[in-house]
Amino acid sequence: MDFQLIDNKTNSQYEFHAGEFTPKIKYIITGNKIFLTHTEVPVQLQGKGIGNILVSEVLEDIKQTGLSLVPLCPFVAAYIKRHPEWNFLVSKE
């Protein structure tokens, strides 16, 4: 499946549009940090790897912005633990 990542600044969330469904990651930006607070994949799309694709695309976008990441969402934190190549984004403070 191909998805286009959308940074929906109005709703403070990254999202994909998958037909009638919208997998998303909510965030808060404070200063030079982005806090990823919640990942939501509709039940109809769970188990298809969409959450992992979403996190990967979001991390790629954060890398481009130069923001420092605070992964408050357990799903995002677990993804980074499984993919330590993204540790460089995580805030050291």
PDB file of N, CA and C in Angstrom:
ATOM      1  N   MET A   1       0.838  -1.186   0.000  1.00  0.00           N
ATOM      2  CA  MET A   1       0.000   0.000   0.000  1.00  0.00           C
ATOM      3  C   MET A   1       0.879   1.243   0.000  1.00  0.00           C
ATOM      4  N   ASP A   2       0.514   2.210  -0.789  1.00  0.00           N
ATOM      5  CA  ASP A   2       1.205   3.491  -0.805  1.00  0.00           C
ATOM      6  C   ASP A   2       0.359   4.529  -0.090  1.00  0.00           C
ATOM      7  N   PHE A   3       0.979   5.229   0.833  1.00  0.00           N
ATOM      8  CA  PHE A   3       0.288   6.278   1.569  1.00  0.00           C
ATOM      9  C   PHE A   3       1.089   7.559   1.454  1.00  0.00           C
ATOM     10  N   GLN A   4       0.389   8.666   1.465  1.00  0.00           N
ATOM     11  CA  GLN A   4       1.054   9.963   1.475  1.00  0.00           C
ATOM     12  C   GLN A   4       0.907  10.543   2.875  1.00  0.00           C
ATOM     13  N   LEU A   5       2.038  10.820   3.517  1.00  0.00           N
ATOM     14  CA  LEU A   5       2.018  11.392   4.851  1.00  0.00           C
ATOM     15  C   LEU A   5       1.554  12.840   4.774  1.00  0.00           C
ATOM     16  N   ILE A   6       0.615  13.182   5.640  1.00  0.00           N
ATOM     17  CA  ILE A   6       0.088  14.542   5.727  1.00  0.00           C
ATOM     18  C   ILE A   6       0.382  15.062   7.130  1.00  0.00           C
ATOM     19  N   ASP A   7       0.987  16.242   7.205  1.00  0.00           N
ATOM     20  CA  ASP A   7       1.176  16.903   8.494  1.00  0.00           C
ATOM     21  C   ASP A   7      -0.004  17.851   8.663  1.00  0.00           C
ATOM     22  N   ASN A   8      -1.016  17.376   9.356  1.00  0.00           N
ATOM     23  CA  ASN A   8      -2.234  18.152   9.584  1.00  0.00           C
ATOM     24  C   ASN A   8      -1.993  19.070  10.783  1.00  0.00           C
ATOM     25  N   LYS A   9      -1.423  20.246  10.522  1.00  0.00           N
ATOM     26  CA  LYS A   9      -1.054  21.177  11.580  1.00  0.00           C
ATOM     27  C   LYS A   9      -2.279  21.669  12.355  1.00  0.00           C
ATOM     28  N   THR A  10      -3.417  21.785  11.694  1.00  0.00           N
ATOM     29  CA  THR A  10      -4.643  22.236  12.356  1.00  0.00           C
ATOM     30  C   THR A  10      -5.022  21.307  13.504  1.00  0.00           C
ATOM     31  N   ASN A  11      -4.877  19.996  13.285  1.00  0.00           N
ATOM     32  CA  ASN A  11      -5.236  19.013  14.310  1.00  0.00           C
ATOM     33  C   ASN A  11      -4.018  18.467  15.057  1.00  0.00           C
ATOM     34  N   SER A  12      -2.844  19.035  14.806  1.00  0.00           N
ATOM     35  CA  SER A  12      -1.595  18.586  15.432  1.00  0.00           C
ATOM     36  C   SER A  12      -1.425  17.082  15.321  1.00  0.00           C
ATOM     37  N   GLN A  13      -1.481  16.610  14.079  1.00  0.00           N
ATOM     38  CA  GLN A  13      -1.302  15.178  13.860  1.00  0.00           C
ATOM     39  C   GLN A  13      -0.752  14.911  12.470  1.00  0.00           C
ATOM     40  N   TYR A  14       0.053  13.857  12.416  1.00  0.00           N
ATOM     41  CA  TYR A  14       0.450  13.290  11.138  1.00  0.00           C
ATOM     42  C   TYR A  14      -0.609  12.260  10.791  1.00  0.00           C
ATOM     43  N   GLU A  15      -0.921  12.133   9.506  1.00  0.00           N
ATOM     44  CA  GLU A  15      -1.972  11.186   9.137  1.00  0.00           C
ATOM     45  C   GLU A  15      -1.781  10.653   7.730  1.00  0.00           C
ATOM     46  N   PHE A  16      -2.390   9.500   7.510  1.00  0.00           N
ATOM     47  CA  PHE A  16      -2.560   8.903   6.188  1.00  0.00           C
ATOM     48  C   PHE A  16      -4.052   8.895   5.899  1.00  0.00           C
ATOM     49  N   HIS A  17      -4.417   8.964   4.651  1.00  0.00           N
ATOM     50  CA  HIS A  17      -5.809   8.719   4.262  1.00  0.00           C
ATOM     51  C   HIS A  17      -5.841   7.371   3.564  1.00  0.00           C
ATOM     52  N   ALA A  18      -6.564   6.451   4.161  1.00  0.00           N
ATOM     53  CA  ALA A  18      -6.680   5.086   3.629  1.00  0.00           C
ATOM     54  C   ALA A  18      -8.158   4.817   3.406  1.00  0.00           C
ATOM     55  N   GLY A  19      -8.642   5.246   2.239  1.00  0.00           N
ATOM     56  CA  GLY A  19     -10.075   5.141   1.983  1.00  0.00           C
ATOM     57  C   GLY A  19     -10.821   6.017   2.967  1.00  0.00           C
ATOM     58  N   GLU A  20     -11.750   5.417   3.681  1.00  0.00           N
ATOM     59  CA  GLU A  20     -12.542   6.182   4.653  1.00  0.00           C
ATOM     60  C   GLU A  20     -11.873   6.269   6.024  1.00  0.00           C
ATOM     61  N   PHE A  21     -10.684   5.673   6.167  1.00  0.00           N
ATOM     62  CA  PHE A  21     -10.011   5.608   7.461  1.00  0.00           C
ATOM     63  C   PHE A  21      -8.803   6.541   7.503  1.00  0.00           C
ATOM     64  N   THR A  22      -8.463   6.988   8.724  1.00  0.00           N
ATOM     65  CA  THR A  22      -7.340   7.904   8.895  1.00  0.00           C
ATOM     66  C   THR A  22      -6.447   7.447  10.041  1.00  0.00           C
ATOM     67  N   PRO A  23      -5.433   6.624   9.757  1.00  0.00           N
ATOM     68  CA  PRO A  23      -4.427   6.335  10.777  1.00  0.00           C
ATOM     69  C   PRO A  23      -3.681   7.631  11.093  1.00  0.00           C
ATOM     70  N   LYS A  24      -3.317   7.831  12.380  1.00  0.00           N
ATOM     71  CA  LYS A  24      -2.715   9.112  12.751  1.00  0.00           C
ATOM     72  C   LYS A  24      -1.801   8.983  13.956  1.00  0.00           C
ATOM     73  N   ILE A  25      -0.909   9.961  14.065  1.00  0.00           N
ATOM     74  CA  ILE A  25      -0.062  10.129  15.244  1.00  0.00           C
ATOM     75  C   ILE A  25      -0.234  11.579  15.697  1.00  0.00           C
ATOM     76  N   LYS A  26      -0.716  11.748  16.911  1.00  0.00           N
ATOM     77  CA  LYS A  26      -0.902  13.084  17.485  1.00  0.00           C
ATOM     78  C   LYS A  26       0.447  13.594  18.008  1.00  0.00           C
ATOM     79  N   TYR A  27       0.618  14.924  17.957  1.00  0.00           N
ATOM     80  CA  TYR A  27       1.865  15.498  18.444  1.00  0.00           C
ATOM     81  C   TYR A  27       1.651  16.854  19.080  1.00  0.00           C
ATOM     82  N   ILE A  28       2.677  17.257  19.849  1.00  0.00           N
ATOM     83  CA  ILE A  28       2.753  18.602  20.429  1.00  0.00           C
ATOM     84  C   ILE A  28       4.161  19.096  20.125  1.00  0.00           C
ATOM     85  N   ILE A  29       4.269  20.317  19.607  1.00  0.00           N
ATOM     86  CA  ILE A  29       5.584  20.919  19.366  1.00  0.00           C
ATOM     87  C   ILE A  29       5.782  22.034  20.382  1.00  0.00           C
ATOM     88  N   THR A  30       6.901  21.953  21.093  1.00  0.00           N
ATOM     89  CA  THR A  30       7.269  22.983  22.065  1.00  0.00           C
ATOM     90  C   THR A  30       8.739  23.309  21.849  1.00  0.00           C
ATOM     91  N   GLY A  31       9.010  24.543  21.469  1.00  0.00           N
ATOM     92  CA  GLY A  31      10.390  24.930  21.193  1.00  0.00           C
ATOM     93  C   GLY A  31      10.946  24.102  20.059  1.00  0.00           C
ATOM     94  N   ASN A  32      12.067  23.414  20.314  1.00  0.00           N
ATOM     95  CA  ASN A  32      12.683  22.594  19.268  1.00  0.00           C
ATOM     96  C   ASN A  32      12.391  21.102  19.468  1.00  0.00           C
ATOM     97  N   LYS A  33      11.350  20.800  20.249  1.00  0.00           N
ATOM     98  CA  LYS A  33      10.995  19.406  20.510  1.00  0.00           C
ATOM     99  C   LYS A  33       9.606  19.083  19.969  1.00  0.00           C
ATOM    100  N   ILE A  34       9.483  17.852  19.483  1.00  0.00           N
ATOM    101  CA  ILE A  34       8.179  17.339  19.077  1.00  0.00           C
ATOM    102  C   ILE A  34       7.873  16.125  19.956  1.00  0.00           C
ATOM    103  N   PHE A  35       6.744  16.176  20.604  1.00  0.00           N
ATOM    104  CA  PHE A  35       6.278  15.103  21.478  1.00  0.00           C
ATOM    105  C   PHE A  35       5.240  14.304  20.704  1.00  0.00           C
ATOM    106  N   LEU A  36       5.548  13.040  20.406  1.00  0.00           N
ATOM    107  CA  LEU A  36       4.562  12.174  19.765  1.00  0.00           C
ATOM    108  C   LEU A  36       3.769  11.520  20.895  1.00  0.00           C
ATOM    109  N   THR A  37       2.480  11.843  20.971  1.00  0.00           N
ATOM    110  CA  THR A  37       1.696  11.495  22.160  1.00  0.00           C
ATOM    111  C   THR A  37       0.784  10.284  21.986  1.00  0.00           C
ATOM    112  N   HIS A  38       0.340  10.017  20.760  1.00  0.00           N
ATOM    113  CA  HIS A  38      -0.646   8.940  20.584  1.00  0.00           C
ATOM    114  C   HIS A  38      -0.684   8.493  19.129  1.00  0.00           C
ATOM    115  N   THR A  39      -0.636   7.185  18.931  1.00  0.00           N
ATOM    116  CA  THR A  39      -0.789   6.605  17.594  1.00  0.00           C
ATOM    117  C   THR A  39      -2.127   5.891  17.555  1.00  0.00           C
ATOM    118  N   GLU A  40      -2.861   6.103  16.472  1.00  0.00           N
ATOM    119  CA  GLU A  40      -4.170   5.462  16.326  1.00  0.00           C
ATOM    120  C   GLU A  40      -4.316   4.900  14.916  1.00  0.00           C
ATOM    121  N   VAL A  41      -4.535   3.592  14.854  1.00  0.00           N
ATOM    122  CA  VAL A  41      -4.821   2.924  13.588  1.00  0.00           C
ATOM    123  C   VAL A  41      -6.205   2.304  13.721  1.00  0.00           C
ATOM    124  N   PRO A  42      -7.138   2.685  12.850  1.00  0.00           N
ATOM    125  CA  PRO A  42      -8.486   2.114  12.942  1.00  0.00           C
ATOM    126  C   PRO A  42      -8.456   0.589  12.949  1.00  0.00           C
ATOM    127  N   VAL A  43      -9.346   0.001  13.720  1.00  0.00           N
ATOM    128  CA  VAL A  43      -9.418  -1.461  13.873  1.00  0.00           C
ATOM    129  C   VAL A  43      -9.427  -2.165  12.519  1.00  0.00           C
ATOM    130  N   GLN A  44     -10.104  -1.594  11.540  1.00  0.00           N
ATOM    131  CA  GLN A  44     -10.229  -2.217  10.220  1.00  0.00           C
ATOM    132  C   GLN A  44      -8.877  -2.338   9.514  1.00  0.00           C
ATOM    133  N   LEU A  45      -7.889  -1.541   9.935  1.00  0.00           N
ATOM    134  CA  LEU A  45      -6.577  -1.538   9.280  1.00  0.00           C
ATOM    135  C   LEU A  45      -5.482  -2.169  10.130  1.00  0.00           C
ATOM    136  N   GLN A  46      -5.804  -2.565  11.353  1.00  0.00           N
ATOM    137  CA  GLN A  46      -4.795  -3.122  12.233  1.00  0.00           C
ATOM    138  C   GLN A  46      -4.296  -4.469  11.721  1.00  0.00           C
ATOM    139  N   GLY A  47      -3.042  -4.757  12.046  1.00  0.00           N
ATOM    140  CA  GLY A  47      -2.440  -6.028  11.652  1.00  0.00           C
ATOM    141  C   GLY A  47      -1.903  -6.052  10.233  1.00  0.00           C
ATOM    142  N   LYS A  48      -1.871  -4.902   9.580  1.00  0.00           N
ATOM    143  CA  LYS A  48      -1.396  -4.820   8.193  1.00  0.00           C
ATOM    144  C   LYS A  48      -0.081  -4.059   8.075  1.00  0.00           C
ATOM    145  N   GLY A  49       0.508  -3.693   9.210  1.00  0.00           N
ATOM    146  CA  GLY A  49       1.772  -2.969   9.202  1.00  0.00           C
ATOM    147  C   GLY A  49       1.649  -1.479   8.973  1.00  0.00           C
ATOM    148  N   ILE A  50       0.425  -0.976   8.942  1.00  0.00           N
ATOM    149  CA  ILE A  50       0.223   0.447   8.649  1.00  0.00           C
ATOM    150  C   ILE A  50       0.785   1.331   9.759  1.00  0.00           C
ATOM    151  N   GLY A  51       0.645   0.901  11.001  1.00  0.00           N
ATOM    152  CA  GLY A  51       1.206   1.665  12.113  1.00  0.00           C
ATOM    153  C   GLY A  51       2.708   1.816  11.980  1.00  0.00           C
ATOM    154  N   ASN A  52       3.398   0.737  11.608  1.00  0.00           N
ATOM    155  CA  ASN A  52       4.851   0.801  11.426  1.00  0.00           C
ATOM    156  C   ASN A  52       5.228   1.708  10.267  1.00  0.00           C
ATOM    157  N   ILE A  53       4.479   1.642   9.186  1.00  0.00           N
ATOM    158  CA  ILE A  53       4.746   2.526   8.042  1.00  0.00           C
ATOM    159  C   ILE A  53       4.546   3.980   8.454  1.00  0.00           C
ATOM    160  N   LEU A  54       3.481   4.235   9.188  1.00  0.00           N
ATOM    161  CA  LEU A  54       3.187   5.592   9.642  1.00  0.00           C
ATOM    162  C   LEU A  54       4.324   6.118  10.520  1.00  0.00           C
ATOM    163  N   VAL A  55       4.753   5.343  11.501  1.00  0.00           N
ATOM    164  CA  VAL A  55       5.838   5.790  12.386  1.00  0.00           C
ATOM    165  C   VAL A  55       7.105   6.050  11.579  1.00  0.00           C
ATOM    166  N   SER A  56       7.450   5.164  10.671  1.00  0.00           N
ATOM    167  CA  SER A  56       8.640   5.335   9.852  1.00  0.00           C
ATOM    168  C   SER A  56       8.594   6.638   9.053  1.00  0.00           C
ATOM    169  N   GLU A  57       7.458   6.905   8.431  1.00  0.00           N
ATOM    170  CA  GLU A  57       7.301   8.134   7.641  1.00  0.00           C
ATOM    171  C   GLU A  57       7.364   9.382   8.532  1.00  0.00           C
ATOM    172  N   VAL A  58       6.762   9.304   9.709  1.00  0.00           N
ATOM    173  CA  VAL A  58       6.788  10.441  10.634  1.00  0.00           C
ATOM    174  C   VAL A  58       8.219  10.704  11.097  1.00  0.00           C
ATOM    175  N   LEU A  59       8.953   9.662  11.437  1.00  0.00           N
ATOM    176  CA  LEU A  59      10.336   9.851  11.870  1.00  0.00           C
ATOM    177  C   LEU A  59      11.181  10.458  10.751  1.00  0.00           C
ATOM    178  N   GLU A  60      10.944  10.038   9.538  1.00  0.00           N
ATOM    179  CA  GLU A  60      11.654  10.614   8.388  1.00  0.00           C
ATOM    180  C   GLU A  60      11.342  12.107   8.273  1.00  0.00           C
ATOM    181  N   ASP A  61      10.088  12.483   8.467  1.00  0.00           N
ATOM    182  CA  ASP A  61       9.708  13.894   8.401  1.00  0.00           C
ATOM    183  C   ASP A  61      10.359  14.690   9.535  1.00  0.00           C
ATOM    184  N   ILE A  62      10.359  14.126  10.732  1.00  0.00           N
ATOM    185  CA  ILE A  62      10.980  14.808  11.871  1.00  0.00           C
ATOM    186  C   ILE A  62      12.465  15.012  11.609  1.00  0.00           C
ATOM    187  N   LYS A  63      13.115  14.030  11.019  1.00  0.00           N
ATOM    188  CA  LYS A  63      14.531  14.161  10.668  1.00  0.00           C
ATOM    189  C   LYS A  63      14.742  15.375   9.777  1.00  0.00           C
ATOM    190  N   GLN A  64      13.850  15.586   8.821  1.00  0.00           N
ATOM    191  CA  GLN A  64      13.970  16.711   7.893  1.00  0.00           C
ATOM    192  C   GLN A  64      13.749  18.059   8.586  1.00  0.00           C
ATOM    193  N   THR A  65      12.905  18.082   9.628  1.00  0.00           N
ATOM    194  CA  THR A  65      12.597  19.341  10.314  1.00  0.00           C
ATOM    195  C   THR A  65      13.692  19.762  11.272  1.00  0.00           C
ATOM    196  N   GLY A  66      14.504  18.804  11.735  1.00  0.00           N
ATOM    197  CA  GLY A  66      15.549  19.123  12.697  1.00  0.00           C
ATOM    198  C   GLY A  66      15.057  19.192  14.131  1.00  0.00           C
ATOM    199  N   LEU A  67      13.801  18.825  14.357  1.00  0.00           N
ATOM    200  CA  LEU A  67      13.277  18.820  15.721  1.00  0.00           C
ATOM    201  C   LEU A  67      13.836  17.630  16.492  1.00  0.00           C
ATOM    202  N   SER A  68      13.835  17.758  17.797  1.00  0.00           N
ATOM    203  CA  SER A  68      14.253  16.683  18.688  1.00  0.00           C
ATOM    204  C   SER A  68      12.991  15.947  19.143  1.00  0.00           C
ATOM    205  N   LEU A  69      13.037  14.620  19.162  1.00  0.00           N
ATOM    206  CA  LEU A  69      11.861  13.798  19.413  1.00  0.00           C
ATOM    207  C   LEU A  69      11.749  13.363  20.869  1.00  0.00           C
ATOM    208  N   VAL A  70      10.525  13.458  21.391  1.00  0.00           N
ATOM    209  CA  VAL A  70      10.190  12.882  22.687  1.00  0.00           C
ATOM    210  C   VAL A  70       9.056  11.893  22.422  1.00  0.00           C
ATOM    211  N   PRO A  71       9.370  10.580  22.411  1.00  0.00           N
ATOM    212  CA  PRO A  71       8.358   9.579  22.071  1.00  0.00           C
ATOM    213  C   PRO A  71       7.517   9.171  23.283  1.00  0.00           C
ATOM    214  N   LEU A  72       6.477   9.938  23.586  1.00  0.00           N
ATOM    215  CA  LEU A  72       5.600   9.624  24.715  1.00  0.00           C
ATOM    216  C   LEU A  72       4.677   8.450  24.402  1.00  0.00           C
ATOM    217  N   CYS A  73       4.352   8.263  23.138  1.00  0.00           N
ATOM    218  CA  CYS A  73       3.469   7.178  22.721  1.00  0.00           C
ATOM    219  C   CYS A  73       4.208   5.842  22.850  1.00  0.00           C
ATOM    220  N   PRO A  74       3.626   4.874  23.560  1.00  0.00           N
ATOM    221  CA  PRO A  74       4.283   3.572  23.713  1.00  0.00           C
ATOM    222  C   PRO A  74       4.547   2.860  22.378  1.00  0.00           C
ATOM    223  N   PHE A  75       3.668   3.023  21.412  1.00  0.00           N
ATOM    224  CA  PHE A  75       3.857   2.383  20.108  1.00  0.00           C
ATOM    225  C   PHE A  75       5.093   2.949  19.409  1.00  0.00           C
ATOM    226  N   VAL A  76       5.236   4.271  19.438  1.00  0.00           N
ATOM    227  CA  VAL A  76       6.400   4.923  18.817  1.00  0.00           C
ATOM    228  C   VAL A  76       7.672   4.526  19.563  1.00  0.00           C
ATOM    229  N   ALA A  77       7.636   4.533  20.898  1.00  0.00           N
ATOM    230  CA  ALA A  77       8.804   4.159  21.693  1.00  0.00           C
ATOM    231  C   ALA A  77       9.232   2.723  21.386  1.00  0.00           C
ATOM    232  N   ALA A  78       8.265   1.817  21.263  1.00  0.00           N
ATOM    233  CA  ALA A  78       8.575   0.416  20.943  1.00  0.00           C
ATOM    234  C   ALA A  78       9.171   0.302  19.543  1.00  0.00           C
ATOM    235  N   TYR A  79       8.666   1.087  18.597  1.00  0.00           N
ATOM    236  CA  TYR A  79       9.198   1.071  17.230  1.00  0.00           C
ATOM    237  C   TYR A  79      10.674   1.489  17.250  1.00  0.00           C
ATOM    238  N   ILE A  80      10.975   2.563  17.978  1.00  0.00           N
ATOM    239  CA  ILE A  80      12.357   3.049  18.040  1.00  0.00           C
ATOM    240  C   ILE A  80      13.255   2.019  18.726  1.00  0.00           C
ATOM    241  N   LYS A  81      12.736   1.339  19.734  1.00  0.00           N
ATOM    242  CA  LYS A  81      13.516   0.291  20.401  1.00  0.00           C
ATOM    243  C   LYS A  81      13.856  -0.835  19.428  1.00  0.00           C
ATOM    244  N   ARG A  82      12.905  -1.168  18.536  1.00  0.00           N
ATOM    245  CA  ARG A  82      13.151  -2.218  17.534  1.00  0.00           C
ATOM    246  C   ARG A  82      14.010  -1.719  16.382  1.00  0.00           C
ATOM    247  N   HIS A  83      14.072  -0.399  16.195  1.00  0.00           N
ATOM    248  CA  HIS A  83      14.830   0.212  15.097  1.00  0.00           C
ATOM    249  C   HIS A  83      15.766   1.279  15.679  1.00  0.00           C
ATOM    250  N   PRO A  84      16.839   0.858  16.339  1.00  0.00           N
ATOM    251  CA  PRO A  84      17.714   1.806  17.042  1.00  0.00           C
ATOM    252  C   PRO A  84      18.407   2.821  16.132  1.00  0.00           C
ATOM    253  N   GLU A  85      18.336   2.618  14.833  1.00  0.00           N
ATOM    254  CA  GLU A  85      18.920   3.617  13.920  1.00  0.00           C
ATOM    255  C   GLU A  85      18.224   4.975  14.038  1.00  0.00           C
ATOM    256  N   TRP A  86      17.055   5.014  14.689  1.00  0.00           N
ATOM    257  CA  TRP A  86      16.329   6.272  14.888  1.00  0.00           C
ATOM    258  C   TRP A  86      16.649   6.935  16.225  1.00  0.00           C
ATOM    259  N   ASN A  87      17.480   6.324  17.047  1.00  0.00           N
ATOM    260  CA  ASN A  87      17.795   6.879  18.361  1.00  0.00           C
ATOM    261  C   ASN A  87      18.365   8.294  18.290  1.00  0.00           C
ATOM    262  N   PHE A  88      19.028   8.621  17.192  1.00  0.00           N
ATOM    263  CA  PHE A  88      19.644   9.948  17.074  1.00  0.00           C
ATOM    264  C   PHE A  88      18.608  11.074  17.123  1.00  0.00           C
ATOM    265  N   LEU A  89      17.357  10.766  16.830  1.00  0.00           N
ATOM    266  CA  LEU A  89      16.293  11.786  16.873  1.00  0.00           C
ATOM    267  C   LEU A  89      15.802  12.062  18.289  1.00  0.00           C
ATOM    268  N   VAL A  90      15.979  11.091  19.177  1.00  0.00           N
ATOM    269  CA  VAL A  90      15.393  11.185  20.518  1.00  0.00           C
ATOM    270  C   VAL A  90      16.147  12.210  21.358  1.00  0.00           C
ATOM    271  N   SER A  91      15.371  13.082  21.987  1.00  0.00           N
ATOM    272  CA  SER A  91      15.929  14.133  22.829  1.00  0.00           C
ATOM    273  C   SER A  91      16.736  13.526  23.968  1.00  0.00           C
ATOM    274  N   LYS A  92      17.883  14.076  24.237  1.00  0.00           N
ATOM    275  CA  LYS A  92      18.737  13.597  25.328  1.00  0.00           C
ATOM    276  C   LYS A  92      18.399  14.291  26.642  1.00  0.00           C
ATOM    277  N   GLU A  93      17.534  15.282  26.608  1.00  0.00           N
ATOM    278  CA  GLU A  93      17.161  16.045  27.813  1.00  0.00           C
ATOM    279  C   GLU A  93      15.958  15.464  28.487  1.00  0.00           C
TER     280      GLU A  93
END
